[in-house]
């Protein structure tokens, strides 16, 4: 059988990983988090952020848009934080507009709902660059749309949808240690109650999940 990757050009040839490595690291994630439905559920990504950041942390928010998260962190936690932002949209006020401008390293990097807008190759390159921007022991906290959500294919600007084990495997292959994976789901109380406790068996049978995003906490070793 012909290898179509060789015929079309292997997108990993210029990256710091390989297909065999990705298959192996994906299995590592599956052994640590064997069932998607057993992943913990959090209402908002901010809950996890507040658990992971520490007083004095330096933070880089990639894809920060309006920098809204900076104000929310100031409102809800009393930590002294050094917050810097990066976004390619030059109509917004940012500290950086490209990764090439960044000459420092950080304790924490946020990457919320960004990687799905990139090609697979560009997404892996971005994660590799983030690894280099983190201090030893630094954390990457990322979210990306849930591959099992029924609306996952409706957003025209999304290029790649990742399963939890796929994104986790990529992170391991790049030198991260995956610490936590959550499903992010928030809804009206009774609808949330119905979907989690009543409709869950049907959702599992149909492979449908109404958690809109998955969240991964990964650490640079």
C-alpha atoms as a PDB file:
ATOM      1  CA  UNK A   1       0.000   0.000   0.000  1.00  0.00           C
ATOM      2  CA  UNK A   2       1.298   3.461  -0.903  1.00  0.00           C
ATOM      3  CA  UNK A   3       1.932   5.902   1.929  1.00  0.00           C
ATOM      4  CA  UNK A   4      -0.107   8.974   1.004  1.00  0.00           C
ATOM      5  CA  UNK A   5       1.836  11.062   3.523  1.00  0.00           C
ATOM      6  CA  UNK A   6       5.032  10.471   1.526  1.00  0.00           C
ATOM      7  CA  UNK A   7       3.297  11.194  -1.772  1.00  0.00           C
ATOM      8  CA  UNK A   8       1.721  14.433  -0.575  1.00  0.00           C
ATOM      9  CA  UNK A   9       4.515  15.582   1.718  1.00  0.00           C
ATOM     10  CA  UNK A  10       4.653  14.635   5.404  1.00  0.00           C
ATOM     11  CA  UNK A  11       3.536  17.650   7.477  1.00  0.00           C
ATOM     12  CA  UNK A  12       5.697  16.475  10.398  1.00  0.00           C
ATOM     13  CA  UNK A  13       9.013  16.456   8.540  1.00  0.00           C
ATOM     14  CA  UNK A  14       9.890  19.967   9.814  1.00  0.00           C
ATOM     15  CA  UNK A  15       8.467  19.472  13.300  1.00  0.00           C
ATOM     16  CA  UNK A  16       9.956  18.044  16.473  1.00  0.00           C
ATOM     17  CA  UNK A  17       7.921  14.851  16.381  1.00  0.00           C
ATOM     18  CA  UNK A  18       6.845  11.977  14.124  1.00  0.00           C
ATOM     19  CA  UNK A  19       3.707   9.979  13.367  1.00  0.00           C
ATOM     20  CA  UNK A  20       4.976   6.941  15.291  1.00  0.00           C
ATOM     21  CA  UNK A  21       5.724   9.145  18.294  1.00  0.00           C
ATOM     22  CA  UNK A  22       2.252  10.676  18.144  1.00  0.00           C
ATOM     23  CA  UNK A  23       0.606   7.248  18.049  1.00  0.00           C
ATOM     24  CA  UNK A  24       2.667   6.180  21.068  1.00  0.00           C
ATOM     25  CA  UNK A  25       1.992   9.311  23.107  1.00  0.00           C
ATOM     26  CA  UNK A  26      -1.701   9.179  22.263  1.00  0.00           C
ATOM     27  CA  UNK A  27      -1.808   5.720  23.833  1.00  0.00           C
ATOM     28  CA  UNK A  28      -0.085   7.171  26.901  1.00  0.00           C
ATOM     29  CA  UNK A  29      -2.954   9.615  27.299  1.00  0.00           C
ATOM     30  CA  UNK A  30      -5.498   6.828  26.803  1.00  0.00           C
ATOM     31  CA  UNK A  31      -3.831   4.804  29.571  1.00  0.00           C
ATOM     32  CA  UNK A  32      -3.926   7.785  31.956  1.00  0.00           C
ATOM     33  CA  UNK A  33      -7.400   8.979  30.923  1.00  0.00           C
ATOM     34  CA  UNK A  34      -8.987   5.791  29.516  1.00  0.00           C
ATOM     35  CA  UNK A  35     -12.498   7.052  28.823  1.00  0.00           C
ATOM     36  CA  UNK A  36     -13.556  10.470  27.588  1.00  0.00           C
ATOM     37  CA  UNK A  37     -16.750  10.241  29.627  1.00  0.00           C
ATOM     38  CA  UNK A  38     -14.757   9.829  32.829  1.00  0.00           C
ATOM     39  CA  UNK A  39     -12.998  13.171  32.424  1.00  0.00           C
ATOM     40  CA  UNK A  40     -13.872  15.679  35.105  1.00  0.00           C
ATOM     41  CA  UNK A  41     -16.374  18.413  34.261  1.00  0.00           C
ATOM     42  CA  UNK A  42     -15.841  22.094  35.077  1.00  0.00           C
ATOM     43  CA  UNK A  43     -18.290  24.902  34.408  1.00  0.00           C
ATOM     44  CA  UNK A  44     -15.721  27.478  33.288  1.00  0.00           C
ATOM     45  CA  UNK A  45     -12.064  27.487  32.353  1.00  0.00           C
ATOM     46  CA  UNK A  46     -11.477  30.320  34.840  1.00  0.00           C
ATOM     47  CA  UNK A  47     -12.057  27.840  37.691  1.00  0.00           C
ATOM     48  CA  UNK A  48      -9.040  25.827  36.567  1.00  0.00           C
ATOM     49  CA  UNK A  49      -6.956  28.932  35.900  1.00  0.00           C
ATOM     50  CA  UNK A  50      -7.438  30.115  39.488  1.00  0.00           C
ATOM     51  CA  UNK A  51      -6.333  26.707  40.771  1.00  0.00           C
ATOM     52  CA  UNK A  52      -3.168  26.679  38.680  1.00  0.00           C
ATOM     53  CA  UNK A  53      -1.746  30.209  38.945  1.00  0.00           C
ATOM     54  CA  UNK A  54       0.355  31.368  41.877  1.00  0.00           C
ATOM     55  CA  UNK A  55       1.241  34.709  43.428  1.00  0.00           C
ATOM     56  CA  UNK A  56       4.009  36.367  41.415  1.00  0.00           C
ATOM     57  CA  UNK A  57       3.479  34.314  38.244  1.00  0.00           C
ATOM     58  CA  UNK A  58       4.361  35.756  34.867  1.00  0.00           C
ATOM     59  CA  UNK A  59       1.554  35.040  32.380  1.00  0.00           C
ATOM     60  CA  UNK A  60       1.371  35.127  28.589  1.00  0.00           C
ATOM     61  CA  UNK A  61      -2.122  35.077  27.071  1.00  0.00           C
ATOM     62  CA  UNK A  62      -1.957  33.998  23.395  1.00  0.00           C
ATOM     63  CA  UNK A  63      -4.995  34.874  21.315  1.00  0.00           C
ATOM     64  CA  UNK A  64      -6.057  37.312  24.009  1.00  0.00           C
ATOM     65  CA  UNK A  65      -8.358  39.439  21.803  1.00  0.00           C
ATOM     66  CA  UNK A  66      -9.622  42.247  24.084  1.00  0.00           C
ATOM     67  CA  UNK A  67      -7.447  41.160  27.052  1.00  0.00           C
ATOM     68  CA  UNK A  68     -10.638  40.600  29.021  1.00  0.00           C
ATOM     69  CA  UNK A  69      -9.026  37.813  31.029  1.00  0.00           C
ATOM     70  CA  UNK A  70      -6.545  40.248  32.563  1.00  0.00           C
ATOM     71  CA  UNK A  71      -9.345  42.262  34.145  1.00  0.00           C
ATOM     72  CA  UNK A  72     -11.168  39.145  35.307  1.00  0.00           C
ATOM     73  CA  UNK A  73      -8.038  37.876  37.041  1.00  0.00           C
ATOM     74  CA  UNK A  74      -7.554  41.235  38.734  1.00  0.00           C
ATOM     75  CA  UNK A  75     -11.175  41.184  39.910  1.00  0.00           C
ATOM     76  CA  UNK A  76     -11.229  37.691  41.423  1.00  0.00           C
ATOM     77  CA  UNK A  77      -7.755  36.991  42.790  1.00  0.00           C
ATOM     78  CA  UNK A  78      -5.464  39.013  44.990  1.00  0.00           C
ATOM     79  CA  UNK A  79      -2.251  37.752  43.430  1.00  0.00           C
ATOM     80  CA  UNK A  80       0.462  39.991  42.045  1.00  0.00           C
ATOM     81  CA  UNK A  81       0.661  38.822  38.452  1.00  0.00           C
ATOM     82  CA  UNK A  82       2.695  39.931  35.461  1.00  0.00           C
ATOM     83  CA  UNK A  83       0.231  39.649  32.557  1.00  0.00           C
ATOM     84  CA  UNK A  84       1.249  40.046  28.923  1.00  0.00           C
ATOM     85  CA  UNK A  85      -0.792  39.373  25.824  1.00  0.00           C
ATOM     86  CA  UNK A  86      -0.196  38.318  22.236  1.00  0.00           C
ATOM     87  CA  UNK A  87      -2.661  38.467  19.356  1.00  0.00           C
ATOM     88  CA  UNK A  88      -2.217  38.867  15.606  1.00  0.00           C
ATOM     89  CA  UNK A  89      -5.093  41.376  15.424  1.00  0.00           C
ATOM     90  CA  UNK A  90      -3.351  44.756  15.239  1.00  0.00           C
ATOM     91  CA  UNK A  91      -6.612  46.599  15.787  1.00  0.00           C
ATOM     92  CA  UNK A  92      -6.445  45.493  19.421  1.00  0.00           C
ATOM     93  CA  UNK A  93      -3.954  46.663  22.043  1.00  0.00           C
ATOM     94  CA  UNK A  94      -1.435  43.916  22.813  1.00  0.00           C
ATOM     95  CA  UNK A  95       2.058  43.545  24.227  1.00  0.00           C
ATOM     96  CA  UNK A  96       3.070  41.368  21.269  1.00  0.00           C
ATOM     97  CA  UNK A  97       1.670  40.744  17.803  1.00  0.00           C
ATOM     98  CA  UNK A  98       3.815  37.717  16.907  1.00  0.00           C
ATOM     99  CA  UNK A  99       5.746  35.043  18.760  1.00  0.00           C
ATOM    100  CA  UNK A 100       8.972  36.319  17.195  1.00  0.00           C
ATOM    101  CA  UNK A 101       8.678  39.513  19.250  1.00  0.00           C
ATOM    102  CA  UNK A 102       8.726  37.626  22.559  1.00  0.00           C
ATOM    103  CA  UNK A 103      12.177  37.444  24.171  1.00  0.00           C
ATOM    104  CA  UNK A 104      11.220  36.387  27.704  1.00  0.00           C
ATOM    105  CA  UNK A 105       9.874  33.250  29.349  1.00  0.00           C
ATOM    106  CA  UNK A 106       6.811  32.723  31.508  1.00  0.00           C
ATOM    107  CA  UNK A 107       5.403  30.670  34.379  1.00  0.00           C
ATOM    108  CA  UNK A 108       2.039  30.217  32.658  1.00  0.00           C
ATOM    109  CA  UNK A 109       0.821  30.434  29.061  1.00  0.00           C
ATOM    110  CA  UNK A 110      -2.894  30.576  28.200  1.00  0.00           C
ATOM    111  CA  UNK A 111      -4.099  29.304  24.820  1.00  0.00           C
ATOM    112  CA  UNK A 112      -7.889  29.477  24.839  1.00  0.00           C
ATOM    113  CA  UNK A 113      -9.862  28.488  21.715  1.00  0.00           C
ATOM    114  CA  UNK A 114      -6.964  29.214  19.349  1.00  0.00           C
ATOM    115  CA  UNK A 115      -5.328  26.033  18.075  1.00  0.00           C
ATOM    116  CA  UNK A 116      -8.411  24.840  16.175  1.00  0.00           C
ATOM    117  CA  UNK A 117      -8.073  27.861  13.860  1.00  0.00           C
ATOM    118  CA  UNK A 118      -4.667  26.634  12.632  1.00  0.00           C
ATOM    119  CA  UNK A 119      -3.647  23.825  10.321  1.00  0.00           C
ATOM    120  CA  UNK A 120      -2.346  20.693  12.036  1.00  0.00           C
ATOM    121  CA  UNK A 121       1.260  21.568  11.185  1.00  0.00           C
ATOM    122  CA  UNK A 122       0.929  25.176  12.364  1.00  0.00           C
ATOM    123  CA  UNK A 123      -0.786  24.020  15.548  1.00  0.00           C
ATOM    124  CA  UNK A 124       2.076  21.673  16.422  1.00  0.00           C
ATOM    125  CA  UNK A 125       4.587  24.419  15.643  1.00  0.00           C
ATOM    126  CA  UNK A 126       2.726  26.787  17.964  1.00  0.00           C
ATOM    127  CA  UNK A 127       2.736  24.275  20.820  1.00  0.00           C
ATOM    128  CA  UNK A 128       6.446  23.654  20.282  1.00  0.00           C
ATOM    129  CA  UNK A 129       7.109  27.404  20.435  1.00  0.00           C
ATOM    130  CA  UNK A 130       5.065  27.677  23.637  1.00  0.00           C
ATOM    131  CA  UNK A 131       7.193  24.929  25.192  1.00  0.00           C
ATOM    132  CA  UNK A 132      10.255  27.118  24.599  1.00  0.00           C
ATOM    133  CA  UNK A 133       8.509  30.173  26.071  1.00  0.00           C
ATOM    134  CA  UNK A 134       7.816  28.421  29.370  1.00  0.00           C
ATOM    135  CA  UNK A 135      10.183  28.359  32.310  1.00  0.00           C
ATOM    136  CA  UNK A 136      11.044  24.878  33.657  1.00  0.00           C
ATOM    137  CA  UNK A 137       7.978  23.740  35.569  1.00  0.00           C
ATOM    138  CA  UNK A 138       5.859  26.300  33.736  1.00  0.00           C
ATOM    139  CA  UNK A 139       2.312  25.455  32.706  1.00  0.00           C
ATOM    140  CA  UNK A 140       0.318  25.627  29.507  1.00  0.00           C
ATOM    141  CA  UNK A 141      -3.444  25.856  30.000  1.00  0.00           C
ATOM    142  CA  UNK A 142      -5.349  25.410  26.751  1.00  0.00           C
ATOM    143  CA  UNK A 143      -8.902  24.888  25.613  1.00  0.00           C
ATOM    144  CA  UNK A 144     -10.180  23.693  22.261  1.00  0.00           C
ATOM    145  CA  UNK A 145     -13.632  22.654  21.019  1.00  0.00           C
ATOM    146  CA  UNK A 146     -14.843  19.214  22.050  1.00  0.00           C
ATOM    147  CA  UNK A 147     -14.627  16.719  19.169  1.00  0.00           C
ATOM    148  CA  UNK A 148     -17.782  14.989  20.435  1.00  0.00           C
ATOM    149  CA  UNK A 149     -19.960  18.115  20.519  1.00  0.00           C
ATOM    150  CA  UNK A 150     -22.727  18.008  17.866  1.00  0.00           C
ATOM    151  CA  UNK A 151     -21.872  21.530  16.639  1.00  0.00           C
ATOM    152  CA  UNK A 152     -18.153  20.900  16.277  1.00  0.00           C
ATOM    153  CA  UNK A 153     -18.145  21.099  12.447  1.00  0.00           C
ATOM    154  CA  UNK A 154     -20.359  24.156  12.052  1.00  0.00           C
ATOM    155  CA  UNK A 155     -17.732  26.840  12.683  1.00  0.00           C
ATOM    156  CA  UNK A 156     -16.265  27.794   9.296  1.00  0.00           C
ATOM    157  CA  UNK A 157     -13.050  29.249  10.765  1.00  0.00           C
ATOM    158  CA  UNK A 158     -12.038  25.993  12.494  1.00  0.00           C
ATOM    159  CA  UNK A 159      -9.480  23.912  10.592  1.00  0.00           C
ATOM    160  CA  UNK A 160      -8.776  21.008  12.981  1.00  0.00           C
ATOM    161  CA  UNK A 161     -10.872  19.375  15.695  1.00  0.00           C
ATOM    162  CA  UNK A 162      -8.864  17.460  18.307  1.00  0.00           C
ATOM    163  CA  UNK A 163      -9.923  14.569  20.501  1.00  0.00           C
ATOM    164  CA  UNK A 164      -8.651  14.838  24.067  1.00  0.00           C
ATOM    165  CA  UNK A 165      -6.142  12.013  23.519  1.00  0.00           C
ATOM    166  CA  UNK A 166      -4.864  13.569  20.292  1.00  0.00           C
ATOM    167  CA  UNK A 167      -4.082  16.977  21.773  1.00  0.00           C
ATOM    168  CA  UNK A 168      -2.666  15.315  24.883  1.00  0.00           C
ATOM    169  CA  UNK A 169      -0.464  13.036  22.793  1.00  0.00           C
ATOM    170  CA  UNK A 170       0.879  15.963  20.785  1.00  0.00           C
ATOM    171  CA  UNK A 171       1.803  17.785  23.988  1.00  0.00           C
ATOM    172  CA  UNK A 172       3.675  14.765  25.370  1.00  0.00           C
ATOM    173  CA  UNK A 173       5.560  14.336  22.090  1.00  0.00           C
ATOM    174  CA  UNK A 174       6.785  17.938  22.391  1.00  0.00           C
ATOM    175  CA  UNK A 175       8.158  17.483  25.911  1.00  0.00           C
ATOM    176  CA  UNK A 176       5.168  18.438  28.053  1.00  0.00           C
ATOM    177  CA  UNK A 177       3.784  16.416  30.934  1.00  0.00           C
ATOM    178  CA  UNK A 178      -0.019  16.341  30.775  1.00  0.00           C
ATOM    179  CA  UNK A 179      -1.304  16.916  34.308  1.00  0.00           C
ATOM    180  CA  UNK A 180      -5.078  17.343  33.938  1.00  0.00           C
ATOM    181  CA  UNK A 181      -7.811  17.142  31.305  1.00  0.00           C
ATOM    182  CA  UNK A 182     -11.354  18.432  31.850  1.00  0.00           C
ATOM    183  CA  UNK A 183     -14.565  18.836  29.879  1.00  0.00           C
ATOM    184  CA  UNK A 184     -15.935  22.386  30.081  1.00  0.00           C
ATOM    185  CA  UNK A 185     -19.712  22.402  30.333  1.00  0.00           C
ATOM    186  CA  UNK A 186     -22.059  25.042  31.698  1.00  0.00           C
ATOM    187  CA  UNK A 187     -25.805  25.356  31.141  1.00  0.00           C
ATOM    188  CA  UNK A 188     -29.065  26.243  32.832  1.00  0.00           C
ATOM    189  CA  UNK A 189     -29.430  24.234  36.042  1.00  0.00           C
ATOM    190  CA  UNK A 190     -32.195  21.821  35.010  1.00  0.00           C
ATOM    191  CA  UNK A 191     -30.839  21.283  31.500  1.00  0.00           C
ATOM    192  CA  UNK A 192     -27.403  20.608  32.946  1.00  0.00           C
ATOM    193  CA  UNK A 193     -28.916  18.200  35.483  1.00  0.00           C
ATOM    194  CA  UNK A 194     -30.872  16.387  32.756  1.00  0.00           C
ATOM    195  CA  UNK A 195     -27.922  15.997  30.409  1.00  0.00           C
ATOM    196  CA  UNK A 196     -25.450  14.857  33.058  1.00  0.00           C
ATOM    197  CA  UNK A 197     -27.647  12.440  35.013  1.00  0.00           C
ATOM    198  CA  UNK A 198     -30.635  11.462  32.859  1.00  0.00           C
ATOM    199  CA  UNK A 199     -29.569  11.614  29.219  1.00  0.00           C
ATOM    200  CA  UNK A 200     -25.965  10.511  29.773  1.00  0.00           C
ATOM    201  CA  UNK A 201     -26.506   6.833  28.735  1.00  0.00           C
ATOM    202  CA  UNK A 202     -28.056   7.916  25.422  1.00  0.00           C
ATOM    203  CA  UNK A 203     -25.309  10.461  24.826  1.00  0.00           C
ATOM    204  CA  UNK A 204     -22.659   7.793  25.406  1.00  0.00           C
ATOM    205  CA  UNK A 205     -24.389   5.418  23.004  1.00  0.00           C
ATOM    206  CA  UNK A 206     -24.554   8.116  20.313  1.00  0.00           C
ATOM    207  CA  UNK A 207     -21.047   9.457  21.096  1.00  0.00           C
ATOM    208  CA  UNK A 208     -22.506  12.920  21.644  1.00  0.00           C
ATOM    209  CA  UNK A 209     -21.315  15.236  24.392  1.00  0.00           C
ATOM    210  CA  UNK A 210     -22.627  18.735  25.100  1.00  0.00           C
ATOM    211  CA  UNK A 211     -19.459  19.940  26.821  1.00  0.00           C
ATOM    212  CA  UNK A 212     -18.366  22.626  24.359  1.00  0.00           C
ATOM    213  CA  UNK A 213     -14.637  22.466  25.076  1.00  0.00           C
ATOM    214  CA  UNK A 214     -11.909  20.364  26.556  1.00  0.00           C
ATOM    215  CA  UNK A 215      -9.251  21.896  28.793  1.00  0.00           C
ATOM    216  CA  UNK A 216      -5.718  20.582  29.217  1.00  0.00           C
ATOM    217  CA  UNK A 217      -3.142  21.547  31.830  1.00  0.00           C
ATOM    218  CA  UNK A 218       0.361  20.594  30.699  1.00  0.00           C
ATOM    219  CA  UNK A 219       3.717  21.299  32.314  1.00  0.00           C
ATOM    220  CA  UNK A 220       7.173  21.837  30.894  1.00  0.00           C
ATOM    221  CA  UNK A 221       9.427  19.376  32.668  1.00  0.00           C
END
